[in-house]
Every structure is written in C-alpha cells, then in structure tokens.
Amino acid sequence: MGAGLACSITGLSAVGAAAILAEAGDPRRFTTGRALARHAGLAPRQKSSGSYTGRSRTTGQGRPALRLAAWRAVWGALKSNPVYAARLAHLTGREHNRLSTGQAHAALAAALLRHLHAVITTGQRWDPAIATGGRPNQILNAA
C-alpha cells in the first residue's frame, strides 16, 4: 500500500502509520478523507434541537481503536511536524472559539487521517504547502 507514502507525512512513524492502517483497512475504500475521519469518530457534530444550540463535539461513534491510533500518531508527529505544531498553536491560542488542548489534538488527529487518505489515494507524497492550504508562511511562523 505504500509505507513510504504514509511515512512521507512528517513525523508519522512507520509504527504509527501501520497502527492506523491496521485499524482503518485500505483508505481507498473511503470516498473522502472526511469519511475516514467519520469512520474513526473524529467528525464534529453540533447538538441542537429547536432553538437550543449545543456545543460541537466529536461524535464518539466509529472505531475507538482507530481514534486512539490517530491520536497517538499526532502526539509523535507534533514534535517534528511544523504544520501540525502551528495548527495546534493556532487552535489553542486564538481569541475567538479557542479549543482546549484535547480538542485541538482531536482536530489534528482528524487532519492526519485526511492527509493519510489523500497521500494513499493520490499516490503522491505529503506536501506541507498543500496541507496548509497554500499558506507556507504558517510553517515559517511556527518555527
């Protein structure tokens, strides 16, 4: 399936990629990276009814072992991946709608699954410029 492609994501170890792929199966069976994140239970969903609007939380449905594997992989990747480190700093440091560290890690775990899906389905190595949405200054400002 391309261990080299999976490990092209900076900071994702072969063990982390193998754990995720063992729990998820072949990522190509999912139509999108978001579908893979939903399969792990990392998709946010807002609880609302009538005029009541609750907080957005992850669904918690899906595969807990896949969620755990993605969560652990993010912890390892944060040390050497400037894109993920910058995203964590942004999510936990912004003034409006600031996330807790745990919420930010869940968001990064979902992003990791989306990136892994993209890398494997396209057959192209991970590109930090694409991961930042074409804003490479996020990488430079994080360092």
N, C-alpha and C. Protein backbone atom coordinates (compact mmCIF):
# COMPACT_ATOMS: atom_id res chain seq x y z
N MET A 1 0.82 -1.20 0.00
CA MET A 1 0.00 0.00 0.00
C MET A 1 0.86 1.25 0.00
N GLY A 2 2.12 1.13 0.26
CA GLY A 2 2.98 2.30 0.19
C GLY A 2 3.32 2.86 1.56
N ALA A 3 4.14 2.10 2.30
CA ALA A 3 4.56 2.60 3.61
C ALA A 3 5.36 3.88 3.46
N GLY A 4 6.10 3.98 2.35
CA GLY A 4 6.88 5.20 2.09
C GLY A 4 5.98 6.41 1.93
N LEU A 5 4.85 6.21 1.26
CA LEU A 5 3.90 7.32 1.09
C LEU A 5 3.31 7.73 2.43
N ALA A 6 2.90 6.75 3.22
CA ALA A 6 2.30 7.07 4.52
C ALA A 6 3.30 7.78 5.41
N CYS A 7 4.54 7.35 5.37
CA CYS A 7 5.57 7.96 6.22
C CYS A 7 6.12 9.25 5.64
N SER A 8 5.63 9.66 4.47
CA SER A 8 6.05 10.95 3.92
C SER A 8 5.44 12.11 4.72
N ILE A 9 4.42 11.82 5.50
CA ILE A 9 3.86 12.83 6.40
C ILE A 9 4.87 13.03 7.52
N THR A 10 5.43 14.21 7.58
CA THR A 10 6.49 14.50 8.53
C THR A 10 6.06 14.15 9.95
N GLY A 11 6.88 13.34 10.61
CA GLY A 11 6.61 12.97 12.00
C GLY A 11 5.79 11.71 12.17
N LEU A 12 5.16 11.22 11.11
CA LEU A 12 4.38 9.98 11.21
C LEU A 12 5.33 8.81 11.06
N SER A 13 5.47 8.02 12.11
CA SER A 13 6.39 6.88 12.08
C SER A 13 5.75 5.71 11.35
N ALA A 14 6.57 4.76 10.97
CA ALA A 14 6.08 3.55 10.32
C ALA A 14 5.14 2.79 11.25
N VAL A 15 5.44 2.80 12.53
CA VAL A 15 4.59 2.11 13.51
C VAL A 15 3.24 2.82 13.62
N GLY A 16 3.26 4.15 13.68
CA GLY A 16 2.02 4.91 13.76
C GLY A 16 1.16 4.71 12.52
N ALA A 17 1.79 4.76 11.34
CA ALA A 17 1.05 4.54 10.10
C ALA A 17 0.49 3.12 10.05
N ALA A 18 1.28 2.15 10.48
CA ALA A 18 0.82 0.76 10.47
C ALA A 18 -0.36 0.57 11.42
N ALA A 19 -0.32 1.20 12.58
CA ALA A 19 -1.42 1.08 13.54
C ALA A 19 -2.70 1.67 12.97
N ILE A 20 -2.58 2.82 12.32
CA ILE A 20 -3.76 3.46 11.72
C ILE A 20 -4.31 2.59 10.60
N LEU A 21 -3.42 2.14 9.71
CA LEU A 21 -3.86 1.34 8.57
C LEU A 21 -4.41 -0.02 9.00
N ALA A 22 -3.89 -0.58 10.09
CA ALA A 22 -4.42 -1.85 10.59
C ALA A 22 -5.85 -1.69 11.09
N GLU A 23 -6.15 -0.56 11.68
CA GLU A 23 -7.50 -0.33 12.19
C GLU A 23 -8.46 0.16 11.11
N ALA A 24 -7.95 0.94 10.16
CA ALA A 24 -8.82 1.52 9.14
C ALA A 24 -9.02 0.60 7.95
N GLY A 25 -8.05 -0.25 7.70
CA GLY A 25 -8.10 -1.03 6.47
C GLY A 25 -7.56 -0.17 5.34
N ASP A 26 -7.94 -0.50 4.13
CA ASP A 26 -7.47 0.22 2.96
C ASP A 26 -8.19 1.58 2.88
N PRO A 27 -7.46 2.69 2.99
CA PRO A 27 -8.10 4.01 2.93
C PRO A 27 -8.81 4.29 1.61
N ARG A 28 -8.44 3.57 0.56
CA ARG A 28 -9.07 3.80 -0.74
C ARG A 28 -10.54 3.37 -0.76
N ARG A 29 -10.96 2.62 0.24
CA ARG A 29 -12.38 2.22 0.28
C ARG A 29 -13.28 3.36 0.76
N PHE A 30 -12.69 4.43 1.28
CA PHE A 30 -13.45 5.61 1.70
C PHE A 30 -13.44 6.63 0.57
N THR A 31 -14.57 7.24 0.32
CA THR A 31 -14.66 8.18 -0.79
C THR A 31 -13.86 9.46 -0.54
N THR A 32 -13.78 9.88 0.71
CA THR A 32 -13.03 11.09 1.06
C THR A 32 -12.27 10.88 2.36
N GLY A 33 -11.36 11.80 2.63
CA GLY A 33 -10.64 11.77 3.90
C GLY A 33 -11.57 12.06 5.07
N ARG A 34 -12.58 12.86 4.82
CA ARG A 34 -13.56 13.14 5.88
C ARG A 34 -14.34 11.89 6.25
N ALA A 35 -14.61 11.06 5.26
CA ALA A 35 -15.31 9.80 5.54
C ALA A 35 -14.45 8.91 6.43
N LEU A 36 -13.15 8.92 6.21
CA LEU A 36 -12.24 8.16 7.07
C LEU A 36 -12.24 8.72 8.49
N ALA A 37 -12.24 10.05 8.62
CA ALA A 37 -12.28 10.68 9.94
C ALA A 37 -13.61 10.35 10.64
N ARG A 38 -14.70 10.34 9.89
CA ARG A 38 -16.00 9.96 10.47
C ARG A 38 -15.99 8.51 10.91
N HIS A 39 -15.33 7.66 10.15
CA HIS A 39 -15.23 6.24 10.50
C HIS A 39 -14.51 6.08 11.85
N ALA A 40 -13.59 6.97 12.12
CA ALA A 40 -12.86 6.94 13.40
C ALA A 40 -13.65 7.59 14.52
N GLY A 41 -14.72 8.33 14.18
CA GLY A 41 -15.49 9.03 15.20
C GLY A 41 -14.91 10.38 15.53
N LEU A 42 -14.13 10.94 14.61
CA LEU A 42 -13.48 12.23 14.85
C LEU A 42 -14.15 13.38 14.11
N ALA A 43 -15.33 13.16 13.59
CA ALA A 43 -16.05 14.22 12.90
C ALA A 43 -16.87 15.02 13.91
N PRO A 44 -16.72 16.34 13.91
CA PRO A 44 -17.52 17.13 14.85
C PRO A 44 -18.99 17.17 14.44
N ARG A 45 -19.84 17.19 15.45
CA ARG A 45 -21.27 17.29 15.19
C ARG A 45 -21.86 18.17 16.27
N GLN A 46 -22.69 19.11 15.84
CA GLN A 46 -23.31 20.03 16.79
C GLN A 46 -24.62 19.44 17.28
N LYS A 47 -24.82 19.49 18.57
CA LYS A 47 -26.07 19.02 19.15
C LYS A 47 -27.03 20.21 19.20
N SER A 48 -28.15 20.07 18.52
CA SER A 48 -29.13 21.15 18.53
C SER A 48 -30.52 20.58 18.35
N SER A 49 -31.48 21.31 18.88
CA SER A 49 -32.87 20.91 18.78
C SER A 49 -33.72 22.16 18.93
N GLY A 50 -34.52 22.45 17.94
CA GLY A 50 -35.36 23.64 18.01
C GLY A 50 -34.51 24.89 18.13
N SER A 51 -34.73 25.66 19.18
CA SER A 51 -33.96 26.88 19.37
C SER A 51 -32.69 26.64 20.18
N TYR A 52 -32.52 25.42 20.70
CA TYR A 52 -31.34 25.10 21.50
C TYR A 52 -30.18 24.73 20.58
N THR A 53 -29.04 25.35 20.81
CA THR A 53 -27.83 25.01 20.08
C THR A 53 -26.76 24.65 21.09
N GLY A 54 -26.36 23.42 21.06
CA GLY A 54 -25.34 22.95 22.00
C GLY A 54 -23.95 23.10 21.43
N ARG A 55 -22.97 22.56 22.14
CA ARG A 55 -21.58 22.63 21.71
C ARG A 55 -21.30 21.57 20.66
N SER A 56 -20.38 21.88 19.78
CA SER A 56 -19.94 20.90 18.79
C SER A 56 -18.93 19.97 19.46
N ARG A 57 -19.14 18.70 19.30
CA ARG A 57 -18.24 17.70 19.85
C ARG A 57 -18.04 16.61 18.82
N THR A 58 -17.01 15.81 19.01
CA THR A 58 -16.86 14.67 18.13
C THR A 58 -17.97 13.68 18.45
N THR A 59 -18.35 12.91 17.45
CA THR A 59 -19.48 12.02 17.63
C THR A 59 -19.17 10.91 18.62
N GLY A 60 -17.93 10.46 18.66
CA GLY A 60 -17.58 9.35 19.54
C GLY A 60 -18.02 8.03 18.99
N GLN A 61 -18.73 8.05 17.88
CA GLN A 61 -19.11 6.81 17.22
C GLN A 61 -17.94 6.38 16.36
N GLY A 62 -18.00 5.21 15.84
CA GLY A 62 -16.92 4.75 14.98
C GLY A 62 -15.99 3.81 15.72
N ARG A 63 -14.77 3.75 15.26
CA ARG A 63 -13.80 2.78 15.78
C ARG A 63 -12.89 3.42 16.81
N PRO A 64 -13.07 3.08 18.08
CA PRO A 64 -12.24 3.68 19.13
C PRO A 64 -10.75 3.37 18.96
N ALA A 65 -10.41 2.18 18.47
CA ALA A 65 -9.00 1.83 18.29
C ALA A 65 -8.37 2.67 17.18
N LEU A 66 -9.13 3.01 16.15
CA LEU A 66 -8.62 3.88 15.09
C LEU A 66 -8.43 5.29 15.61
N ARG A 67 -9.39 5.76 16.42
CA ARG A 67 -9.27 7.07 17.05
C ARG A 67 -8.01 7.14 17.91
N LEU A 68 -7.78 6.12 18.69
CA LEU A 68 -6.61 6.06 19.56
C LEU A 68 -5.32 6.02 18.75
N ALA A 69 -5.29 5.25 17.68
CA ALA A 69 -4.09 5.17 16.84
C ALA A 69 -3.78 6.52 16.21
N ALA A 70 -4.80 7.22 15.73
CA ALA A 70 -4.59 8.54 15.14
C ALA A 70 -4.14 9.54 16.20
N TRP A 71 -4.76 9.46 17.38
CA TRP A 71 -4.39 10.35 18.49
C TRP A 71 -2.93 10.16 18.87
N ARG A 72 -2.50 8.91 19.01
CA ARG A 72 -1.10 8.62 19.37
C ARG A 72 -0.14 9.07 18.28
N ALA A 73 -0.52 8.88 17.03
CA ALA A 73 0.33 9.29 15.91
C ALA A 73 0.52 10.80 15.90
N VAL A 74 -0.53 11.54 16.25
CA VAL A 74 -0.43 13.01 16.28
C VAL A 74 0.54 13.44 17.37
N TRP A 75 0.50 12.79 18.52
CA TRP A 75 1.42 13.15 19.61
C TRP A 75 2.86 13.03 19.14
N GLY A 76 3.15 11.95 18.41
CA GLY A 76 4.51 11.76 17.90
C GLY A 76 4.86 12.76 16.80
N ALA A 77 3.90 13.05 15.94
CA ALA A 77 4.15 13.93 14.80
C ALA A 77 4.34 15.38 15.23
N LEU A 78 3.73 15.78 16.32
CA LEU A 78 3.81 17.19 16.76
C LEU A 78 5.24 17.63 17.03
N LYS A 79 6.09 16.71 17.41
CA LYS A 79 7.47 17.07 17.75
C LYS A 79 8.28 17.49 16.53
N SER A 80 7.95 16.94 15.37
CA SER A 80 8.78 17.23 14.19
C SER A 80 8.00 17.78 13.00
N ASN A 81 6.70 17.95 13.12
CA ASN A 81 5.90 18.43 12.01
C ASN A 81 5.51 19.89 12.27
N PRO A 82 6.14 20.84 11.57
CA PRO A 82 5.84 22.26 11.83
C PRO A 82 4.42 22.66 11.46
N VAL A 83 3.81 21.96 10.50
CA VAL A 83 2.43 22.28 10.10
C VAL A 83 1.48 21.95 11.24
N TYR A 84 1.63 20.76 11.82
CA TYR A 84 0.75 20.36 12.91
C TYR A 84 1.01 21.20 14.17
N ALA A 85 2.28 21.53 14.42
CA ALA A 85 2.61 22.36 15.58
C ALA A 85 1.99 23.75 15.44
N ALA A 86 2.05 24.30 14.23
CA ALA A 86 1.45 25.63 14.01
C ALA A 86 -0.06 25.56 14.14
N ARG A 87 -0.65 24.49 13.66
CA ARG A 87 -2.11 24.35 13.76
C ARG A 87 -2.53 24.21 15.22
N LEU A 88 -1.77 23.45 16.00
CA LEU A 88 -2.08 23.31 17.43
C LEU A 88 -1.98 24.67 18.12
N ALA A 89 -0.93 25.42 17.83
CA ALA A 89 -0.77 26.74 18.45
C ALA A 89 -1.92 27.67 18.06
N HIS A 90 -2.33 27.60 16.81
CA HIS A 90 -3.44 28.44 16.35
C HIS A 90 -4.75 28.06 17.05
N LEU A 91 -5.06 26.77 17.09
CA LEU A 91 -6.34 26.32 17.65
C LEU A 91 -6.43 26.59 19.15
N THR A 92 -5.31 26.48 19.86
CA THR A 92 -5.34 26.68 21.31
C THR A 92 -5.05 28.11 21.72
N GLY A 93 -4.61 28.95 20.77
CA GLY A 93 -4.24 30.30 21.13
C GLY A 93 -5.12 31.40 20.54
N ARG A 94 -6.04 31.02 19.68
CA ARG A 94 -6.87 32.07 19.07
C ARG A 94 -7.81 32.67 20.10
N GLU A 95 -8.20 33.89 19.86
CA GLU A 95 -9.03 34.59 20.84
C GLU A 95 -10.48 34.15 20.79
N HIS A 96 -11.00 33.95 19.59
CA HIS A 96 -12.40 33.55 19.42
C HIS A 96 -12.46 32.04 19.19
N ASN A 97 -13.32 31.36 19.91
CA ASN A 97 -13.52 29.91 19.76
C ASN A 97 -12.24 29.12 20.02
N ARG A 98 -11.57 29.44 21.10
CA ARG A 98 -10.34 28.75 21.48
C ARG A 98 -10.66 27.32 21.88
N LEU A 99 -9.83 26.39 21.43
CA LEU A 99 -10.03 24.98 21.77
C LEU A 99 -9.10 24.59 22.92
N SER A 100 -9.55 23.61 23.69
CA SER A 100 -8.66 23.05 24.71
C SER A 100 -7.61 22.21 23.98
N THR A 101 -6.58 21.84 24.69
CA THR A 101 -5.53 21.03 24.08
C THR A 101 -6.08 19.70 23.59
N GLY A 102 -6.95 19.08 24.35
CA GLY A 102 -7.55 17.82 23.93
C GLY A 102 -8.40 17.96 22.68
N GLN A 103 -9.17 19.03 22.61
CA GLN A 103 -9.98 19.28 21.42
C GLN A 103 -9.10 19.52 20.20
N ALA A 104 -8.02 20.26 20.40
CA ALA A 104 -7.10 20.54 19.30
C ALA A 104 -6.42 19.26 18.82
N HIS A 105 -6.06 18.39 19.76
CA HIS A 105 -5.45 17.12 19.36
C HIS A 105 -6.43 16.26 18.57
N ALA A 106 -7.69 16.29 18.94
CA ALA A 106 -8.70 15.55 18.17
C ALA A 106 -8.83 16.11 16.76
N ALA A 107 -8.79 17.45 16.63
CA ALA A 107 -8.85 18.07 15.32
C ALA A 107 -7.63 17.69 14.48
N LEU A 108 -6.47 17.64 15.11
CA LEU A 108 -5.25 17.25 14.40
C LEU A 108 -5.27 15.77 14.02
N ALA A 109 -5.85 14.94 14.87
CA ALA A 109 -5.96 13.51 14.54
C ALA A 109 -6.85 13.33 13.31
N ALA A 110 -7.93 14.09 13.23
CA ALA A 110 -8.80 14.04 12.05
C ALA A 110 -8.05 14.54 10.82
N ALA A 111 -7.26 15.60 10.98
CA ALA A 111 -6.47 16.12 9.86
C ALA A 111 -5.45 15.10 9.39
N LEU A 112 -4.82 14.41 10.33
CA LEU A 112 -3.86 13.37 9.98
C LEU A 112 -4.52 12.27 9.16
N LEU A 113 -5.71 11.86 9.56
CA LEU A 113 -6.43 10.83 8.80
C LEU A 113 -6.78 11.33 7.40
N ARG A 114 -7.19 12.59 7.29
CA ARG A 114 -7.49 13.16 5.97
C ARG A 114 -6.23 13.21 5.10
N HIS A 115 -5.11 13.62 5.70
CA HIS A 115 -3.86 13.69 4.96
C HIS A 115 -3.40 12.30 4.53
N LEU A 116 -3.52 11.33 5.41
CA LEU A 116 -3.14 9.96 5.09
C LEU A 116 -3.99 9.42 3.94
N HIS A 117 -5.27 9.71 3.98
CA HIS A 117 -6.17 9.29 2.89
C HIS A 117 -5.72 9.92 1.57
N ALA A 118 -5.42 11.20 1.60
CA ALA A 118 -5.01 11.91 0.38
C ALA A 118 -3.71 11.34 -0.19
N VAL A 119 -2.76 11.09 0.68
CA VAL A 119 -1.47 10.57 0.25
C VAL A 119 -1.62 9.20 -0.40
N ILE A 120 -2.40 8.34 0.21
CA ILE A 120 -2.52 6.98 -0.31
C ILE A 120 -3.39 6.92 -1.56
N THR A 121 -4.47 7.68 -1.60
CA THR A 121 -5.36 7.61 -2.77
C THR A 121 -4.77 8.31 -3.99
N THR A 122 -3.97 9.36 -3.78
CA THR A 122 -3.38 10.05 -4.93
C THR A 122 -2.04 9.47 -5.35
N GLY A 123 -1.38 8.77 -4.43
CA GLY A 123 -0.07 8.21 -4.73
C GLY A 123 1.04 9.26 -4.72
N GLN A 124 0.76 10.42 -4.13
CA GLN A 124 1.75 11.49 -4.06
C GLN A 124 2.19 11.69 -2.62
N ARG A 125 3.46 12.03 -2.46
CA ARG A 125 4.00 12.28 -1.13
C ARG A 125 3.32 13.50 -0.50
N TRP A 126 3.36 13.58 0.83
CA TRP A 126 2.75 14.67 1.59
C TRP A 126 3.51 15.96 1.30
N ASP A 127 2.78 17.02 1.05
CA ASP A 127 3.37 18.33 0.76
C ASP A 127 2.87 19.32 1.80
N PRO A 128 3.77 19.88 2.62
CA PRO A 128 3.34 20.82 3.65
C PRO A 128 2.61 22.04 3.10
N ALA A 129 2.98 22.49 1.91
CA ALA A 129 2.32 23.66 1.33
C ALA A 129 0.85 23.36 1.03
N ILE A 130 0.57 22.16 0.59
CA ILE A 130 -0.82 21.77 0.33
C ILE A 130 -1.56 21.60 1.66
N ALA A 131 -0.89 21.03 2.65
CA ALA A 131 -1.52 20.80 3.96
C ALA A 131 -1.89 22.11 4.65
N THR A 132 -1.18 23.18 4.35
CA THR A 132 -1.51 24.47 4.96
C THR A 132 -2.47 25.27 4.10
N GLY A 133 -2.98 24.67 3.06
CA GLY A 133 -3.91 25.37 2.18
C GLY A 133 -3.21 26.42 1.32
N GLY A 134 -1.95 26.15 0.98
CA GLY A 134 -1.21 27.09 0.15
C GLY A 134 -0.66 28.28 0.91
N ARG A 135 -0.62 28.17 2.25
CA ARG A 135 -0.10 29.27 3.07
C ARG A 135 1.19 28.81 3.76
N PRO A 136 2.31 28.74 3.01
CA PRO A 136 3.56 28.23 3.61
C PRO A 136 4.08 29.12 4.74
N ASN A 137 3.60 30.35 4.86
CA ASN A 137 4.05 31.22 5.96
C ASN A 137 3.65 30.66 7.31
N GLN A 138 2.60 29.84 7.37
CA GLN A 138 2.21 29.21 8.64
C GLN A 138 3.34 28.33 9.15
N ILE A 139 4.04 27.68 8.22
CA ILE A 139 5.14 26.82 8.62
C ILE A 139 6.28 27.67 9.17
N LEU A 140 6.61 28.75 8.46
CA LEU A 140 7.74 29.58 8.89
C LEU A 140 7.45 30.31 10.18
N ASN A 141 6.21 30.74 10.38
CA ASN A 141 5.87 31.46 11.60
C ASN A 141 5.85 30.55 12.82
N ALA A 142 5.65 29.25 12.61
CA ALA A 142 5.58 28.32 13.74
C ALA A 142 6.96 28.01 14.29
N ALA A 143 7.97 28.09 13.45
CA ALA A 143 9.32 27.70 13.87
C ALA A 143 9.97 28.77 14.72
